[in-house]
Amino acid sequence: MAGGLEADPLPLDPRRQASSFTTDDVPLDLGVLRRLTAQVAAEAPAVCATPVAEHRGGLFTMTPDGRFIAGPLPNLPGLWVISGCNGSGFSSSPALGEALAAWITTGTAPAGMTVLSPDRFGSLPDDALVSHGLWRYAHYYDPVAG
């Protein structure tokens, strides 16, 4: 299996998709996959020599700061959220869910949870949220991007 984060991701606005939209409808570009596998050719030459058996895409939720969003939504009492998992949802969701459940049931935020507040971006306009999220995605594993 090969995959990665491309430098020029395609953002999809769910508000502009058909009501029947599913992740199966995400546009795929085999060129992106080929460029990513070419980057690892020296370390794993078999990746480039193996034909593509299946090509999948998905919706990657990326926050402007690369951290999860978790906690109560401001101005909507009783509504809590966990999102923006930045590609780490499968591995982090159990711990995030447990921490959020503890916060909801005890009224006390577990250590490290308040910094993930959904309102930490303030009133950042949608276009700024998208552009910051795209930049973060493109530089997620860049050790010098900050």
C-alpha atoms as a PDB file:
ATOM      1  CA  MET A   1       0.000   0.000   0.000  1.00  0.00           C
ATOM      2  CA  ALA A   2       1.315   3.430  -0.872  1.00  0.00           C
ATOM      3  CA  GLY A   3      -0.112   6.806  -0.044  1.00  0.00           C
ATOM      4  CA  GLY A   4       0.885  10.260   0.987  1.00  0.00           C
ATOM      5  CA  LEU A   5       0.075  13.924   1.141  1.00  0.00           C
ATOM      6  CA  GLU A   6       0.424  15.889  -2.077  1.00  0.00           C
ATOM      7  CA  ALA A   7       1.709  19.467  -2.255  1.00  0.00           C
ATOM      8  CA  ASP A   8      -1.347  20.755  -4.116  1.00  0.00           C
ATOM      9  CA  PRO A   9      -4.434  19.067  -2.653  1.00  0.00           C
ATOM     10  CA  LEU A  10      -7.878  19.469  -4.156  1.00  0.00           C
ATOM     11  CA  PRO A  11     -10.249  20.989  -1.607  1.00  0.00           C
ATOM     12  CA  LEU A  12     -13.880  19.947  -1.764  1.00  0.00           C
ATOM     13  CA  ASP A  13     -16.595  22.124  -0.297  1.00  0.00           C
ATOM     14  CA  PRO A  14     -19.378  19.811   0.920  1.00  0.00           C
ATOM     15  CA  ARG A  15     -21.853  22.665   0.510  1.00  0.00           C
ATOM     16  CA  ARG A  16     -21.198  22.609  -3.242  1.00  0.00           C
ATOM     17  CA  GLN A  17     -21.647  18.863  -3.716  1.00  0.00           C
ATOM     18  CA  ALA A  18     -24.818  17.027  -4.666  1.00  0.00           C
ATOM     19  CA  SER A  19     -26.895  15.766  -1.752  1.00  0.00           C
ATOM     20  CA  SER A  20     -26.068  12.231  -2.928  1.00  0.00           C
ATOM     21  CA  PHE A  21     -22.277  12.885  -2.608  1.00  0.00           C
ATOM     22  CA  THR A  22     -20.232  10.131  -0.960  1.00  0.00           C
ATOM     23  CA  THR A  23     -16.499   9.553  -0.667  1.00  0.00           C
ATOM     24  CA  ASP A  24     -16.812   7.332  -3.743  1.00  0.00           C
ATOM     25  CA  ASP A  25     -17.420  10.574  -5.665  1.00  0.00           C
ATOM     26  CA  VAL A  26     -14.079  12.144  -4.696  1.00  0.00           C
ATOM     27  CA  PRO A  27     -12.208  12.879  -7.937  1.00  0.00           C
ATOM     28  CA  LEU A  28      -9.058  10.769  -8.268  1.00  0.00           C
ATOM     29  CA  ASP A  29      -5.876  11.689 -10.128  1.00  0.00           C
ATOM     30  CA  LEU A  30      -3.599   8.718 -10.786  1.00  0.00           C
ATOM     31  CA  GLY A  31      -0.797  11.197 -11.535  1.00  0.00           C
ATOM     32  CA  VAL A  32      -0.722  12.188  -7.851  1.00  0.00           C
ATOM     33  CA  LEU A  33      -0.269   8.557  -6.834  1.00  0.00           C
ATOM     34  CA  ARG A  34       2.459   8.016  -9.437  1.00  0.00           C
ATOM     35  CA  ARG A  35       4.383  11.117  -8.278  1.00  0.00           C
ATOM     36  CA  LEU A  36       4.182   9.981  -4.658  1.00  0.00           C
ATOM     37  CA  THR A  37       5.415   6.471  -5.442  1.00  0.00           C
ATOM     38  CA  ALA A  38       8.261   7.906  -7.538  1.00  0.00           C
ATOM     39  CA  GLN A  39       9.399   9.823  -4.452  1.00  0.00           C
ATOM     40  CA  VAL A  40       9.943   6.577  -2.527  1.00  0.00           C
ATOM     41  CA  ALA A  41      11.456   4.620  -5.431  1.00  0.00           C
ATOM     42  CA  ALA A  42      14.971   4.553  -3.971  1.00  0.00           C
ATOM     43  CA  GLU A  43      13.799   3.118  -0.642  1.00  0.00           C
ATOM     44  CA  ALA A  44      11.055   0.844  -1.992  1.00  0.00           C
ATOM     45  CA  PRO A  45      11.569   0.140  -5.717  1.00  0.00           C
ATOM     46  CA  ALA A  46       8.832  -2.515  -5.727  1.00  0.00           C
ATOM     47  CA  VAL A  47       6.231   0.190  -5.097  1.00  0.00           C
ATOM     48  CA  CYS A  48       6.896   1.724  -8.507  1.00  0.00           C
ATOM     49  CA  ALA A  49       7.107  -1.625 -10.269  1.00  0.00           C
ATOM     50  CA  THR A  50       3.787  -2.890  -8.939  1.00  0.00           C
ATOM     51  CA  PRO A  51       0.652  -2.081 -10.935  1.00  0.00           C
ATOM     52  CA  VAL A  52      -2.046  -0.105  -9.176  1.00  0.00           C
ATOM     53  CA  ALA A  53      -4.665  -2.592  -8.022  1.00  0.00           C
ATOM     54  CA  GLU A  54      -6.984  -0.067  -6.436  1.00  0.00           C
ATOM     55  CA  HIS A  55      -6.960   3.722  -6.192  1.00  0.00           C
ATOM     56  CA  ARG A  56      -8.991   5.349  -3.446  1.00  0.00           C
ATOM     57  CA  GLY A  57      -9.556   8.868  -2.248  1.00  0.00           C
ATOM     58  CA  GLY A  58     -11.191  10.381   0.736  1.00  0.00           C
ATOM     59  CA  LEU A  59     -12.018  13.571   2.521  1.00  0.00           C
ATOM     60  CA  PHE A  60      -9.112  14.671   4.652  1.00  0.00           C
ATOM     61  CA  THR A  61     -10.126  17.027   7.445  1.00  0.00           C
ATOM     62  CA  MET A  62      -7.211  19.399   8.051  1.00  0.00           C
ATOM     63  CA  THR A  63      -7.274  22.254  10.516  1.00  0.00           C
ATOM     64  CA  PRO A  64      -5.258  25.449  10.054  1.00  0.00           C
ATOM     65  CA  ASP A  65      -2.947  24.530  12.935  1.00  0.00           C
ATOM     66  CA  GLY A  66      -2.769  20.764  12.324  1.00  0.00           C
ATOM     67  CA  ARG A  67      -4.401  19.906  15.672  1.00  0.00           C
ATOM     68  CA  PHE A  68      -7.719  18.226  16.397  1.00  0.00           C
ATOM     69  CA  ILE A  69     -10.888  20.143  17.141  1.00  0.00           C
ATOM     70  CA  ALA A  70     -12.596  18.834  20.273  1.00  0.00           C
ATOM     71  CA  GLY A  71     -14.940  20.283  22.817  1.00  0.00           C
ATOM     72  CA  PRO A  72     -18.196  22.164  23.246  1.00  0.00           C
ATOM     73  CA  LEU A  73     -19.314  24.413  20.403  1.00  0.00           C
ATOM     74  CA  PRO A  74     -19.662  28.032  21.449  1.00  0.00           C
ATOM     75  CA  ASN A  75     -23.193  29.454  21.336  1.00  0.00           C
ATOM     76  CA  LEU A  76     -24.714  25.966  20.914  1.00  0.00           C
ATOM     77  CA  PRO A  77     -25.187  24.582  24.456  1.00  0.00           C
ATOM     78  CA  GLY A  78     -25.041  20.814  24.625  1.00  0.00           C
ATOM     79  CA  LEU A  79     -23.396  20.307  21.217  1.00  0.00           C
ATOM     80  CA  TRP A  80     -19.890  18.849  21.367  1.00  0.00           C
ATOM     81  CA  VAL A  81     -17.570  17.979  18.481  1.00  0.00           C
ATOM     82  CA  ILE A  82     -14.496  15.981  17.588  1.00  0.00           C
ATOM     83  CA  SER A  83     -13.213  16.725  14.098  1.00  0.00           C
ATOM     84  CA  GLY A  84     -10.256  17.939  12.102  1.00  0.00           C
ATOM     85  CA  CYS A  85      -8.352  14.749  12.780  1.00  0.00           C
ATOM     86  CA  ASN A  86      -5.740  15.567  10.123  1.00  0.00           C
ATOM     87  CA  GLY A  87      -5.454  12.002   8.886  1.00  0.00           C
ATOM     88  CA  SER A  88      -5.071  10.583  12.388  1.00  0.00           C
ATOM     89  CA  GLY A  89      -8.714   9.882  13.118  1.00  0.00           C
ATOM     90  CA  PHE A  90      -8.543   6.098  13.006  1.00  0.00           C
ATOM     91  CA  SER A  91      -5.708   5.936  15.504  1.00  0.00           C
ATOM     92  CA  SER A  92      -6.699   8.855  17.732  1.00  0.00           C
ATOM     93  CA  SER A  93     -10.504   8.733  17.786  1.00  0.00           C
ATOM     94  CA  PRO A  94     -10.803   6.186  20.623  1.00  0.00           C
ATOM     95  CA  ALA A  95      -8.702   8.305  22.991  1.00  0.00           C
ATOM     96  CA  LEU A  96     -10.378  11.530  21.882  1.00  0.00           C
ATOM     97  CA  GLY A  97     -13.818   9.990  22.358  1.00  0.00           C
ATOM     98  CA  GLU A  98     -12.921   8.776  25.822  1.00  0.00           C
ATOM     99  CA  ALA A  99     -11.544  12.190  26.805  1.00  0.00           C
ATOM    100  CA  LEU A 100     -14.577  14.012  25.421  1.00  0.00           C
ATOM    101  CA  ALA A 101     -16.962  11.613  27.191  1.00  0.00           C
ATOM    102  CA  ALA A 102     -15.136  12.240  30.478  1.00  0.00           C
ATOM    103  CA  TRP A 103     -15.352  15.998  29.908  1.00  0.00           C
ATOM    104  CA  ILE A 104     -19.068  15.840  29.151  1.00  0.00           C
ATOM    105  CA  THR A 105     -19.915  13.606  32.115  1.00  0.00           C
ATOM    106  CA  THR A 106     -17.673  15.263  34.715  1.00  0.00           C
ATOM    107  CA  GLY A 107     -17.722  18.870  33.519  1.00  0.00           C
ATOM    108  CA  THR A 108     -13.934  18.969  33.782  1.00  0.00           C
ATOM    109  CA  ALA A 109     -11.726  18.987  30.708  1.00  0.00           C
ATOM    110  CA  PRO A 110      -9.003  16.305  30.755  1.00  0.00           C
ATOM    111  CA  ALA A 111      -5.436  17.549  30.413  1.00  0.00           C
ATOM    112  CA  GLY A 112      -4.671  18.916  26.964  1.00  0.00           C
ATOM    113  CA  MET A 113      -8.264  19.116  25.751  1.00  0.00           C
ATOM    114  CA  THR A 114      -8.985  22.833  26.159  1.00  0.00           C
ATOM    115  CA  VAL A 115      -6.275  23.755  23.625  1.00  0.00           C
ATOM    116  CA  LEU A 116      -8.351  21.875  21.030  1.00  0.00           C
ATOM    117  CA  SER A 117     -11.327  24.220  21.480  1.00  0.00           C
ATOM    118  CA  PRO A 118     -13.555  24.577  18.399  1.00  0.00           C
ATOM    119  CA  ASP A 119     -13.569  28.347  18.826  1.00  0.00           C
ATOM    120  CA  ARG A 120      -9.779  28.789  18.865  1.00  0.00           C
ATOM    121  CA  PHE A 121      -9.766  30.118  15.286  1.00  0.00           C
ATOM    122  CA  GLY A 122     -12.141  32.920  16.183  1.00  0.00           C
ATOM    123  CA  SER A 123     -14.064  34.452  13.336  1.00  0.00           C
ATOM    124  CA  LEU A 124     -11.663  33.366  10.595  1.00  0.00           C
ATOM    125  CA  PRO A 125     -13.552  33.605   7.280  1.00  0.00           C
ATOM    126  CA  ASP A 126     -14.214  30.364   5.378  1.00  0.00           C
ATOM    127  CA  ASP A 127     -11.733  31.196   2.589  1.00  0.00           C
ATOM    128  CA  ALA A 128      -8.974  31.791   5.165  1.00  0.00           C
ATOM    129  CA  LEU A 129      -9.807  28.524   6.944  1.00  0.00           C
ATOM    130  CA  VAL A 130      -9.554  26.691   3.606  1.00  0.00           C
ATOM    131  CA  SER A 131      -6.283  28.347   2.536  1.00  0.00           C
ATOM    132  CA  HIS A 132      -4.652  27.749   5.948  1.00  0.00           C
ATOM    133  CA  GLY A 133      -5.893  24.146   5.946  1.00  0.00           C
ATOM    134  CA  LEU A 134      -4.499  23.559   2.440  1.00  0.00           C
ATOM    135  CA  TRP A 135      -1.123  24.962   3.467  1.00  0.00           C
ATOM    136  CA  ARG A 136      -1.061  22.814   6.606  1.00  0.00           C
ATOM    137  CA  TYR A 137      -1.964  19.727   4.570  1.00  0.00           C
ATOM    138  CA  ALA A 138       0.762  20.382   1.994  1.00  0.00           C
ATOM    139  CA  HIS A 139       3.369  20.906   4.746  1.00  0.00           C
ATOM    140  CA  TYR A 140       2.095  18.436   7.366  1.00  0.00           C
ATOM    141  CA  TYR A 141       5.266  16.335   7.366  1.00  0.00           C
ATOM    142  CA  ASP A 142       7.637  19.155   6.384  1.00  0.00           C
ATOM    143  CA  PRO A 143      10.187  19.427   9.225  1.00  0.00           C
ATOM    144  CA  VAL A 144      11.036  23.066   8.448  1.00  0.00           C
ATOM    145  CA  ALA A 145       7.593  24.467   7.613  1.00  0.00           C
ATOM    146  CA  GLY A 146       6.701  25.318  11.225  1.00  0.00           C
END
